[in-house]
N, C-alpha and C. Protein backbone atom coordinates (compact mmCIF):
# COMPACT_ATOMS: atom_id res chain seq x y z
N MET A 1 19.25 11.50 30.08
CA MET A 1 18.01 12.21 29.79
C MET A 1 18.31 13.39 28.96
N HIS A 2 17.42 13.58 27.94
CA HIS A 2 17.57 14.67 27.07
C HIS A 2 16.31 15.56 26.95
N ALA A 3 16.56 16.82 26.82
CA ALA A 3 15.33 17.75 26.77
C ALA A 3 14.84 17.70 25.30
N CYS A 4 13.62 18.11 25.18
CA CYS A 4 12.98 18.23 23.84
C CYS A 4 13.79 19.09 22.91
N PRO A 5 14.20 18.70 21.76
CA PRO A 5 14.97 19.51 20.82
C PRO A 5 14.23 20.63 20.05
N ASP A 6 12.87 20.48 20.02
CA ASP A 6 12.06 21.44 19.26
C ASP A 6 10.67 21.55 19.81
N TYR A 7 10.37 22.70 20.37
CA TYR A 7 9.06 22.93 21.00
C TYR A 7 8.13 23.63 19.97
N THR A 8 8.52 24.04 18.81
CA THR A 8 7.71 24.95 18.04
C THR A 8 7.14 24.21 16.75
N THR A 9 7.81 23.36 16.10
CA THR A 9 7.46 22.75 14.81
C THR A 9 6.07 22.16 14.83
N ALA A 10 5.79 21.36 15.85
CA ALA A 10 4.55 20.57 15.92
C ALA A 10 3.46 21.37 16.61
N GLY A 11 3.66 22.60 17.02
CA GLY A 11 2.61 23.41 17.55
C GLY A 11 2.79 23.60 19.09
N SER A 12 1.76 24.27 19.70
CA SER A 12 1.82 24.48 21.16
C SER A 12 1.61 23.26 21.91
N ASN A 13 2.23 23.21 23.04
CA ASN A 13 2.19 22.01 23.94
C ASN A 13 2.65 20.79 23.29
N SER A 14 3.71 20.85 22.51
CA SER A 14 4.18 19.69 21.83
C SER A 14 5.72 19.67 21.81
N CYS A 15 6.24 18.53 21.42
CA CYS A 15 7.68 18.33 21.28
C CYS A 15 7.87 17.55 19.86
N TYR A 16 8.79 18.06 19.14
CA TYR A 16 9.01 17.42 17.78
C TYR A 16 10.44 16.87 17.74
N PHE A 17 10.53 15.62 17.32
CA PHE A 17 11.78 14.93 17.17
C PHE A 17 11.98 14.63 15.71
N ASP A 18 12.92 15.22 15.05
CA ASP A 18 13.24 14.89 13.62
C ASP A 18 14.22 13.73 13.51
N LYS A 19 14.58 13.29 12.31
CA LYS A 19 15.39 12.09 12.19
C LYS A 19 16.83 12.33 12.77
N LYS A 20 17.22 13.55 13.02
CA LYS A 20 18.52 13.76 13.59
C LYS A 20 18.49 13.27 15.06
N HIS A 21 17.31 13.28 15.64
CA HIS A 21 17.19 13.03 17.07
C HIS A 21 16.47 11.71 17.39
N THR A 22 16.32 10.82 16.40
CA THR A 22 15.69 9.54 16.56
C THR A 22 16.42 8.50 15.73
N LYS A 23 16.30 7.30 16.15
CA LYS A 23 16.89 6.17 15.45
C LYS A 23 15.95 4.98 15.50
N LEU A 24 15.81 4.19 14.48
CA LEU A 24 15.01 3.03 14.45
C LEU A 24 15.67 1.87 15.44
N TRP A 25 14.77 1.10 15.97
CA TRP A 25 15.17 -0.02 16.73
C TRP A 25 15.64 0.35 18.10
N ILE A 26 15.39 1.62 18.51
CA ILE A 26 15.69 2.04 19.91
C ILE A 26 14.42 2.38 20.51
N THR A 27 14.22 1.84 21.70
CA THR A 27 12.96 2.19 22.52
C THR A 27 13.26 3.49 23.30
N TYR A 28 12.40 4.48 23.10
CA TYR A 28 12.53 5.69 23.89
C TYR A 28 11.62 5.73 25.07
N ASN A 29 12.17 6.23 26.12
CA ASN A 29 11.44 6.49 27.34
C ASN A 29 10.98 7.95 27.42
N ILE A 30 9.74 8.24 27.23
CA ILE A 30 9.32 9.72 27.21
C ILE A 30 8.49 10.00 28.44
N THR A 31 9.04 11.10 29.14
CA THR A 31 8.24 11.60 30.30
C THR A 31 8.05 13.04 30.08
N VAL A 32 6.95 13.54 30.75
CA VAL A 32 6.68 14.95 30.57
C VAL A 32 6.70 15.58 32.04
N LYS A 33 7.36 16.73 32.10
CA LYS A 33 7.51 17.46 33.37
C LYS A 33 6.68 18.77 33.19
N ALA A 34 5.65 18.87 34.06
CA ALA A 34 4.90 20.03 33.97
C ALA A 34 5.14 20.94 35.16
N THR A 35 5.25 22.22 34.97
CA THR A 35 5.57 23.13 36.05
C THR A 35 4.68 24.29 36.02
N ASN A 36 4.14 24.73 37.18
CA ASN A 36 3.33 25.96 37.29
C ASN A 36 3.51 26.59 38.65
N GLU A 37 2.71 27.51 38.99
CA GLU A 37 2.90 28.20 40.33
C GLU A 37 2.72 27.27 41.50
N MET A 38 2.01 26.16 41.28
CA MET A 38 1.81 25.25 42.40
C MET A 38 2.90 24.20 42.57
N GLY A 39 3.88 24.20 41.69
CA GLY A 39 4.97 23.24 41.70
C GLY A 39 5.08 22.46 40.41
N SER A 40 5.78 21.30 40.45
CA SER A 40 5.97 20.50 39.27
C SER A 40 5.62 19.03 39.43
N SER A 41 5.37 18.39 38.38
CA SER A 41 4.95 17.04 38.40
C SER A 41 5.53 16.31 37.25
N VAL A 42 5.94 14.93 37.35
CA VAL A 42 6.42 14.24 36.22
C VAL A 42 5.48 13.13 35.90
N SER A 43 5.28 12.91 34.56
CA SER A 43 4.33 11.87 34.17
C SER A 43 4.99 10.49 34.33
N ASP A 44 4.14 9.49 34.25
CA ASP A 44 4.66 8.17 34.15
C ASP A 44 5.36 7.97 32.83
N PRO A 45 6.34 7.09 32.75
CA PRO A 45 7.11 6.98 31.45
C PRO A 45 6.18 6.31 30.45
N HIS A 46 6.42 6.73 29.18
CA HIS A 46 5.76 6.21 27.95
C HIS A 46 6.83 5.65 27.03
N TYR A 47 6.85 4.35 26.80
CA TYR A 47 7.84 3.79 25.97
C TYR A 47 7.43 3.70 24.45
N VAL A 48 8.34 4.20 23.66
CA VAL A 48 8.03 4.24 22.24
C VAL A 48 9.17 3.69 21.36
N ASP A 49 8.78 2.88 20.38
CA ASP A 49 9.73 2.39 19.31
C ASP A 49 9.27 3.15 18.10
N VAL A 50 10.17 3.91 17.47
CA VAL A 50 9.87 4.75 16.34
C VAL A 50 9.24 3.94 15.23
N ALA A 51 9.69 2.70 14.97
CA ALA A 51 9.16 1.95 13.84
C ALA A 51 7.72 1.58 14.00
N ASN A 52 7.18 1.59 15.24
CA ASN A 52 5.76 1.37 15.57
C ASN A 52 4.90 2.59 15.53
N ILE A 53 5.46 3.85 15.36
CA ILE A 53 4.60 4.96 15.41
C ILE A 53 4.73 5.82 14.13
N VAL A 54 5.59 5.43 13.17
CA VAL A 54 5.78 6.08 11.92
C VAL A 54 4.84 5.47 10.89
N GLN A 55 4.01 6.29 10.22
CA GLN A 55 3.19 5.72 9.20
C GLN A 55 3.92 5.59 7.85
N PRO A 56 4.03 4.44 7.29
CA PRO A 56 4.76 4.21 6.12
C PRO A 56 3.99 4.77 4.88
N TYR A 57 4.73 4.99 3.83
CA TYR A 57 4.06 5.31 2.57
C TYR A 57 3.30 4.10 2.00
N PRO A 58 2.32 4.32 1.21
CA PRO A 58 1.50 3.09 0.66
C PRO A 58 2.31 2.27 -0.32
N PRO A 59 1.94 0.95 -0.48
CA PRO A 59 2.57 0.18 -1.41
C PRO A 59 2.40 0.77 -2.87
N GLU A 60 3.27 0.33 -3.73
CA GLU A 60 3.25 0.94 -5.15
C GLU A 60 2.89 -0.15 -6.15
N ASN A 61 2.65 0.36 -7.40
CA ASN A 61 2.55 -0.51 -8.56
C ASN A 61 1.51 -1.72 -8.48
N LEU A 62 0.41 -1.46 -7.84
CA LEU A 62 -0.60 -2.45 -7.76
C LEU A 62 -1.18 -2.80 -9.16
N THR A 63 -1.16 -4.06 -9.59
CA THR A 63 -1.62 -4.51 -10.88
C THR A 63 -2.69 -5.61 -10.65
N LEU A 64 -3.71 -5.65 -11.50
CA LEU A 64 -4.62 -6.62 -11.48
C LEU A 64 -4.61 -7.30 -12.91
N GLU A 65 -4.46 -8.61 -12.93
CA GLU A 65 -4.37 -9.37 -14.21
C GLU A 65 -5.29 -10.55 -14.19
N PHE A 66 -5.82 -10.93 -15.21
CA PHE A 66 -6.68 -12.07 -15.36
C PHE A 66 -5.76 -13.21 -15.81
N GLU A 67 -5.68 -14.30 -15.02
CA GLU A 67 -4.83 -15.44 -15.34
C GLU A 67 -5.64 -16.65 -15.67
N LYS A 68 -5.24 -17.38 -16.56
CA LYS A 68 -5.86 -18.67 -17.03
C LYS A 68 -4.86 -19.77 -16.92
N LYS A 69 -5.06 -20.72 -16.00
CA LYS A 69 -4.07 -21.89 -15.76
C LYS A 69 -4.83 -23.19 -15.99
N VAL A 70 -4.16 -24.22 -15.95
CA VAL A 70 -4.80 -25.59 -15.98
C VAL A 70 -5.80 -25.81 -14.93
N TYR A 71 -5.41 -25.30 -13.64
CA TYR A 71 -6.35 -25.53 -12.51
C TYR A 71 -7.39 -24.43 -12.32
N GLY A 72 -7.42 -23.43 -13.27
CA GLY A 72 -8.54 -22.49 -13.12
C GLY A 72 -8.16 -21.10 -13.55
N GLU A 73 -9.17 -20.29 -13.63
CA GLU A 73 -9.02 -18.83 -13.91
C GLU A 73 -9.15 -18.09 -12.61
N TYR A 74 -8.30 -16.95 -12.47
CA TYR A 74 -8.32 -16.21 -11.32
C TYR A 74 -7.87 -14.77 -11.65
N LEU A 75 -8.05 -13.90 -10.65
CA LEU A 75 -7.63 -12.52 -10.67
C LEU A 75 -6.37 -12.49 -9.92
N LEU A 76 -5.24 -12.06 -10.52
CA LEU A 76 -3.93 -12.04 -9.81
C LEU A 76 -3.59 -10.63 -9.46
N LEU A 77 -3.31 -10.31 -8.23
CA LEU A 77 -2.99 -8.93 -7.80
C LEU A 77 -1.53 -8.99 -7.28
N ASN A 78 -0.77 -8.04 -7.85
CA ASN A 78 0.67 -7.90 -7.40
C ASN A 78 0.96 -6.44 -7.08
N TRP A 79 1.95 -6.19 -6.16
CA TRP A 79 2.32 -4.87 -5.80
C TRP A 79 3.71 -4.96 -5.29
N THR A 80 4.33 -3.75 -4.98
CA THR A 80 5.67 -3.62 -4.55
C THR A 80 5.57 -2.85 -3.24
N ALA A 81 6.54 -3.09 -2.38
CA ALA A 81 6.71 -2.33 -1.12
C ALA A 81 6.97 -0.86 -1.42
N PRO A 82 6.63 0.01 -0.46
CA PRO A 82 7.01 1.44 -0.78
C PRO A 82 8.36 1.61 -1.12
N SER A 83 8.74 2.36 -2.11
CA SER A 83 10.15 2.55 -2.56
C SER A 83 11.01 3.23 -1.43
N LEU A 84 10.32 4.00 -0.52
CA LEU A 84 11.09 4.68 0.54
C LEU A 84 11.20 3.81 1.81
N GLY A 85 10.69 2.61 1.76
CA GLY A 85 10.70 1.67 2.98
C GLY A 85 12.00 0.81 2.72
N ASP A 86 12.80 0.72 3.67
CA ASP A 86 14.04 -0.02 3.57
C ASP A 86 13.80 -1.49 3.87
N VAL A 87 13.17 -2.23 2.89
CA VAL A 87 12.98 -3.62 3.02
C VAL A 87 14.04 -4.55 2.53
N ARG A 88 14.85 -4.00 1.65
CA ARG A 88 16.00 -4.82 1.14
C ARG A 88 16.95 -5.32 2.17
N SER A 89 17.23 -4.49 3.14
CA SER A 89 18.15 -4.86 4.17
C SER A 89 17.68 -5.91 5.15
N GLY A 90 16.37 -6.09 5.12
CA GLY A 90 15.79 -7.05 6.01
C GLY A 90 15.48 -6.56 7.44
N TRP A 91 15.78 -5.29 7.67
CA TRP A 91 15.56 -4.67 9.01
C TRP A 91 14.05 -4.33 9.18
N LEU A 92 13.41 -4.07 8.10
CA LEU A 92 12.02 -3.62 8.08
C LEU A 92 11.18 -4.59 7.29
N THR A 93 10.19 -5.08 7.81
CA THR A 93 9.28 -5.98 7.09
C THR A 93 7.80 -5.36 7.10
N PHE A 94 7.08 -5.55 5.98
CA PHE A 94 5.77 -4.99 5.88
C PHE A 94 4.81 -6.13 5.91
N GLU A 95 3.61 -5.88 6.43
CA GLU A 95 2.46 -6.69 6.39
C GLU A 95 1.48 -5.85 5.49
N TYR A 96 0.69 -6.61 4.68
CA TYR A 96 -0.16 -6.02 3.68
C TYR A 96 -1.63 -6.38 3.88
N GLU A 97 -2.50 -5.49 3.57
CA GLU A 97 -3.97 -5.72 3.52
C GLU A 97 -4.54 -5.24 2.17
N LEU A 98 -5.29 -6.04 1.58
CA LEU A 98 -5.98 -5.68 0.29
C LEU A 98 -7.41 -5.24 0.57
N GLN A 99 -8.00 -4.41 -0.24
CA GLN A 99 -9.44 -4.22 -0.17
C GLN A 99 -9.82 -4.30 -1.80
N ILE A 100 -10.88 -5.09 -2.03
CA ILE A 100 -11.33 -5.20 -3.37
C ILE A 100 -12.88 -5.32 -3.46
N LYS A 101 -13.40 -4.87 -4.51
CA LYS A 101 -14.82 -4.91 -4.67
C LYS A 101 -15.20 -4.64 -6.05
N PRO A 102 -16.49 -5.12 -6.49
CA PRO A 102 -16.95 -4.77 -7.83
C PRO A 102 -16.98 -3.18 -7.84
N GLU A 103 -16.75 -2.57 -8.95
CA GLU A 103 -16.61 -1.10 -9.03
C GLU A 103 -17.99 -0.45 -8.50
N GLU A 104 -19.15 -1.04 -8.77
CA GLU A 104 -20.38 -0.50 -8.38
C GLU A 104 -20.83 -0.98 -6.95
N GLY A 105 -20.02 -1.82 -6.36
CA GLY A 105 -20.35 -2.35 -5.04
C GLY A 105 -20.11 -1.38 -3.96
N GLN A 106 -20.90 -1.62 -2.80
CA GLN A 106 -20.75 -0.62 -1.62
C GLN A 106 -19.74 -1.17 -0.63
N GLU A 107 -19.61 -2.45 -0.47
CA GLU A 107 -18.78 -3.08 0.60
C GLU A 107 -17.46 -3.49 0.02
N TRP A 108 -16.39 -3.04 0.59
CA TRP A 108 -15.06 -3.62 0.33
C TRP A 108 -14.87 -4.89 1.01
N GLU A 109 -14.19 -5.85 0.28
CA GLU A 109 -13.78 -7.12 0.92
C GLU A 109 -12.31 -6.86 1.39
N LYS A 110 -12.01 -7.02 2.63
CA LYS A 110 -10.71 -6.71 3.16
C LYS A 110 -10.03 -8.08 3.29
N ILE A 111 -8.78 -8.21 2.92
CA ILE A 111 -8.04 -9.45 2.90
C ILE A 111 -6.61 -9.22 3.43
N PHE A 112 -6.40 -9.64 4.59
CA PHE A 112 -5.00 -9.60 5.19
C PHE A 112 -4.16 -10.69 4.55
N VAL A 113 -3.02 -10.31 3.99
CA VAL A 113 -2.16 -11.25 3.19
C VAL A 113 -0.80 -11.47 3.82
N GLY A 114 -0.56 -10.95 5.03
CA GLY A 114 0.72 -11.01 5.72
C GLY A 114 1.78 -10.30 4.84
N GLN A 115 2.96 -10.96 4.72
CA GLN A 115 4.05 -10.35 4.09
C GLN A 115 4.08 -10.62 2.56
N ARG A 116 3.22 -11.41 2.05
CA ARG A 116 3.09 -11.65 0.63
C ARG A 116 2.87 -10.37 -0.18
N LYS A 117 3.36 -10.25 -1.42
CA LYS A 117 3.05 -9.16 -2.26
C LYS A 117 2.30 -9.49 -3.53
N THR A 118 1.56 -10.69 -3.41
CA THR A 118 0.78 -11.19 -4.46
C THR A 118 -0.45 -11.95 -3.86
N TYR A 119 -1.45 -11.90 -4.57
CA TYR A 119 -2.77 -12.60 -4.04
C TYR A 119 -3.56 -13.06 -5.29
N LYS A 120 -4.06 -14.40 -5.28
CA LYS A 120 -4.89 -14.84 -6.25
C LYS A 120 -6.34 -14.95 -5.72
N MET A 121 -7.23 -14.29 -6.49
CA MET A 121 -8.57 -14.29 -6.12
C MET A 121 -9.42 -15.14 -7.16
N PHE A 122 -9.90 -16.30 -6.65
CA PHE A 122 -10.65 -17.23 -7.51
C PHE A 122 -12.18 -16.83 -7.70
N SER A 123 -12.70 -16.20 -6.65
CA SER A 123 -14.23 -16.02 -6.70
C SER A 123 -14.52 -14.71 -7.30
N VAL A 124 -14.43 -14.65 -8.62
CA VAL A 124 -14.74 -13.42 -9.40
C VAL A 124 -15.88 -13.67 -10.33
N ASN A 125 -16.69 -12.60 -10.69
CA ASN A 125 -17.84 -12.69 -11.50
C ASN A 125 -17.55 -12.22 -12.92
N PRO A 126 -18.03 -13.05 -13.98
CA PRO A 126 -17.78 -12.57 -15.36
C PRO A 126 -18.44 -11.28 -15.60
N GLY A 127 -17.85 -10.42 -16.53
CA GLY A 127 -18.35 -9.19 -17.02
C GLY A 127 -18.31 -8.06 -15.92
N GLN A 128 -17.77 -8.33 -14.80
CA GLN A 128 -17.68 -7.33 -13.68
C GLN A 128 -16.45 -6.52 -13.81
N LYS A 129 -16.44 -5.29 -13.43
CA LYS A 129 -15.36 -4.45 -13.33
C LYS A 129 -15.01 -4.41 -11.80
N TYR A 130 -13.69 -4.65 -11.47
CA TYR A 130 -13.25 -4.70 -10.09
C TYR A 130 -12.30 -3.55 -9.89
N VAL A 131 -12.31 -3.07 -8.61
CA VAL A 131 -11.39 -2.07 -8.15
C VAL A 131 -10.71 -2.63 -6.84
N ALA A 132 -9.35 -2.30 -6.74
CA ALA A 132 -8.69 -2.80 -5.59
C ALA A 132 -7.60 -1.73 -5.16
N GLN A 133 -7.24 -1.91 -3.90
CA GLN A 133 -6.27 -1.08 -3.19
C GLN A 133 -5.49 -1.95 -2.22
N VAL A 134 -4.28 -1.50 -1.89
CA VAL A 134 -3.48 -2.19 -0.86
C VAL A 134 -2.92 -1.24 0.08
N ARG A 135 -2.66 -1.62 1.27
CA ARG A 135 -1.92 -0.77 2.25
C ARG A 135 -0.90 -1.61 3.03
N CYS A 136 0.01 -0.96 3.77
CA CYS A 136 0.94 -1.76 4.59
C CYS A 136 1.20 -1.10 5.92
N ARG A 137 1.84 -1.96 6.70
CA ARG A 137 2.29 -1.53 8.03
C ARG A 137 3.57 -2.17 8.38
N ALA A 138 4.46 -1.53 9.19
CA ALA A 138 5.65 -2.15 9.63
C ALA A 138 5.39 -2.96 10.84
N ASP A 139 5.49 -4.28 10.76
CA ASP A 139 5.25 -5.17 11.85
C ASP A 139 3.85 -4.84 12.49
N LEU A 140 3.85 -4.31 13.69
CA LEU A 140 2.58 -3.98 14.35
C LEU A 140 2.33 -2.55 14.39
N GLY A 141 2.90 -1.85 13.48
CA GLY A 141 2.79 -0.30 13.44
C GLY A 141 1.53 0.20 12.97
N ILE A 142 1.59 1.43 12.45
CA ILE A 142 0.46 2.19 11.89
C ILE A 142 0.20 1.76 10.47
N TRP A 143 -1.04 1.60 10.04
CA TRP A 143 -1.31 1.36 8.61
C TRP A 143 -1.00 2.49 7.77
N SER A 144 -0.50 2.26 6.58
CA SER A 144 -0.31 3.32 5.58
C SER A 144 -1.62 3.75 5.05
N GLU A 145 -1.61 4.85 4.32
CA GLU A 145 -2.84 5.20 3.46
C GLU A 145 -2.96 4.11 2.46
N TRP A 146 -4.21 4.00 1.84
CA TRP A 146 -4.41 3.06 0.81
C TRP A 146 -3.74 3.48 -0.49
N SER A 147 -3.25 2.52 -1.27
CA SER A 147 -2.63 2.88 -2.56
C SER A 147 -3.63 3.50 -3.48
N PRO A 148 -3.18 4.10 -4.57
CA PRO A 148 -4.18 4.51 -5.58
C PRO A 148 -5.00 3.30 -6.08
N LYS A 149 -6.25 3.50 -6.46
CA LYS A 149 -7.14 2.51 -7.00
C LYS A 149 -6.60 1.88 -8.27
N SER A 150 -6.67 0.51 -8.44
CA SER A 150 -6.37 -0.11 -9.72
C SER A 150 -7.70 -0.85 -10.14
N TYR A 151 -7.90 -0.91 -11.45
CA TYR A 151 -9.16 -1.45 -11.96
C TYR A 151 -8.85 -2.56 -13.07
N ILE A 152 -9.81 -3.44 -13.14
CA ILE A 152 -9.78 -4.37 -14.25
C ILE A 152 -11.25 -4.81 -14.60
N LYS A 153 -11.49 -4.98 -15.87
CA LYS A 153 -12.83 -5.43 -16.31
C LYS A 153 -12.68 -6.88 -16.80
N LEU A 154 -13.40 -7.85 -16.22
CA LEU A 154 -13.35 -9.21 -16.61
C LEU A 154 -14.35 -9.44 -17.81
N GLN A 155 -13.86 -10.18 -18.80
CA GLN A 155 -14.67 -10.50 -19.88
C GLN A 155 -15.63 -11.67 -19.49
N LYS A 156 -16.83 -11.74 -20.04
CA LYS A 156 -17.71 -12.77 -19.67
C LYS A 156 -17.30 -14.13 -20.12
N GLU A 157 -16.71 -14.18 -21.40
CA GLU A 157 -16.44 -15.45 -21.94
C GLU A 157 -15.36 -16.19 -21.23
N CYS A 158 -14.41 -15.47 -20.59
CA CYS A 158 -13.37 -16.09 -19.84
C CYS A 158 -13.80 -17.00 -18.70
N ILE A 159 -14.64 -16.42 -17.89
CA ILE A 159 -15.20 -17.06 -16.78
C ILE A 159 -16.17 -18.21 -17.06
N SER A 160 -16.95 -17.97 -18.18
CA SER A 160 -17.92 -18.97 -18.56
C SER A 160 -17.28 -20.19 -19.07
N ARG A 161 -16.09 -20.12 -19.56
CA ARG A 161 -15.40 -21.29 -20.01
C ARG A 161 -15.02 -22.17 -18.95
N ILE A 162 -14.60 -21.61 -17.81
CA ILE A 162 -14.26 -22.52 -16.67
C ILE A 162 -15.48 -23.16 -16.08
N LYS A 163 -16.56 -22.44 -16.09
CA LYS A 163 -17.85 -23.06 -15.60
C LYS A 163 -18.20 -24.19 -16.54
N GLN A 164 -18.05 -24.05 -17.80
CA GLN A 164 -18.38 -25.11 -18.75
C GLN A 164 -17.41 -26.36 -18.47
N LYS A 165 -16.11 -26.08 -18.26
CA LYS A 165 -15.17 -27.18 -18.01
C LYS A 165 -15.59 -27.88 -16.72
N LEU A 166 -16.01 -27.16 -15.69
CA LEU A 166 -16.36 -27.80 -14.45
C LEU A 166 -17.61 -28.67 -14.69
N SER A 167 -18.55 -28.15 -15.57
CA SER A 167 -19.78 -28.92 -15.85
C SER A 167 -19.40 -30.16 -16.65
N ASP A 168 -18.46 -30.11 -17.60
CA ASP A 168 -18.02 -31.22 -18.31
C ASP A 168 -17.42 -32.31 -17.39
N ILE A 169 -16.53 -31.86 -16.48
CA ILE A 169 -15.86 -32.70 -15.52
C ILE A 169 -16.94 -33.49 -14.66
N SER A 170 -17.83 -32.68 -14.15
CA SER A 170 -18.93 -33.28 -13.32
C SER A 170 -19.62 -34.31 -14.00
N SER A 171 -20.03 -34.05 -15.27
CA SER A 171 -20.71 -35.06 -16.12
C SER A 171 -19.99 -36.26 -16.28
N LYS A 172 -18.63 -36.08 -16.55
CA LYS A 172 -17.73 -37.31 -16.77
C LYS A 172 -17.61 -38.07 -15.46
N ILE A 173 -17.62 -37.54 -14.28
CA ILE A 173 -17.51 -38.23 -13.03
C ILE A 173 -18.78 -38.94 -12.76
N ILE A 174 -19.97 -38.20 -13.03
CA ILE A 174 -21.22 -38.95 -12.82
C ILE A 174 -21.40 -40.09 -13.80
N SER A 175 -21.12 -39.98 -15.08
CA SER A 175 -21.28 -41.11 -15.97
C SER A 175 -20.33 -42.27 -15.62
N SER A 176 -19.07 -41.96 -15.17
CA SER A 176 -18.12 -42.96 -14.76
C SER A 176 -18.69 -43.71 -13.60
N ASN A 177 -19.26 -43.03 -12.59
CA ASN A 177 -19.82 -43.66 -11.44
C ASN A 177 -21.01 -44.59 -11.75
N MET A 178 -21.88 -44.07 -12.78
CA MET A 178 -22.98 -44.81 -13.21
C MET A 178 -22.59 -46.12 -13.78
N SER A 179 -21.50 -46.06 -14.72
CA SER A 179 -21.13 -47.34 -15.33
C SER A 179 -20.53 -48.31 -14.31
N ARG A 180 -20.00 -47.89 -13.20
CA ARG A 180 -19.47 -48.75 -12.22
C ARG A 180 -20.65 -49.40 -11.42
N CYS A 181 -21.71 -48.57 -11.22
CA CYS A 181 -22.89 -49.13 -10.54
C CYS A 181 -23.47 -50.22 -11.37
N ARG A 182 -23.57 -50.09 -12.62
CA ARG A 182 -24.23 -51.09 -13.50
C ARG A 182 -23.42 -52.46 -13.43
N THR A 183 -22.07 -52.30 -13.54
CA THR A 183 -21.35 -53.51 -13.42
C THR A 183 -21.36 -54.12 -12.07
N THR A 184 -21.54 -53.42 -10.97
CA THR A 184 -21.60 -53.94 -9.64
C THR A 184 -22.91 -54.75 -9.44
N PHE A 185 -23.98 -54.31 -10.01
CA PHE A 185 -25.33 -54.94 -9.72
C PHE A 185 -25.76 -56.01 -10.76
N ARG A 186 -24.85 -56.54 -11.59
CA ARG A 186 -25.22 -57.56 -12.51
C ARG A 186 -25.57 -58.80 -11.85
């Protein structure tokens, strides 16, 4: 059992543990002993894993790009883990959540993407300017702040071309089925 190393840094009625006094992947048993004229009392233990109570820095380098592939057009979002998060060693993994909306929109669409650092959004509107942010947490820990906002303006002609292609494909399917129907009923 160890006493609190610093009763002043975090303010009155508090105890502050800096990184010299804590380590990741160790579960700490914290109890509080209160003493006054009437005697003393010890709290029930509170178990803490430092990884679950530290708020990470937000993800970095969020980019939004319009992609055009054979299978369709979409908005591609990419980002990197916080540079101060030790993810390369494998000891720490982050989960990510995106929020995206048209710039003038009121409601953010929140999308939990797990451990992926990329997301393809197919349901976008032509001519719209979008804004997005991403945040992370270590396993089941505390969410980081949101990353800085990133923006993209979609051109109308890009999206309208895919709608035209879908219309052309639908027309071909319908006319193909119509010719089969004629040969069947002769």
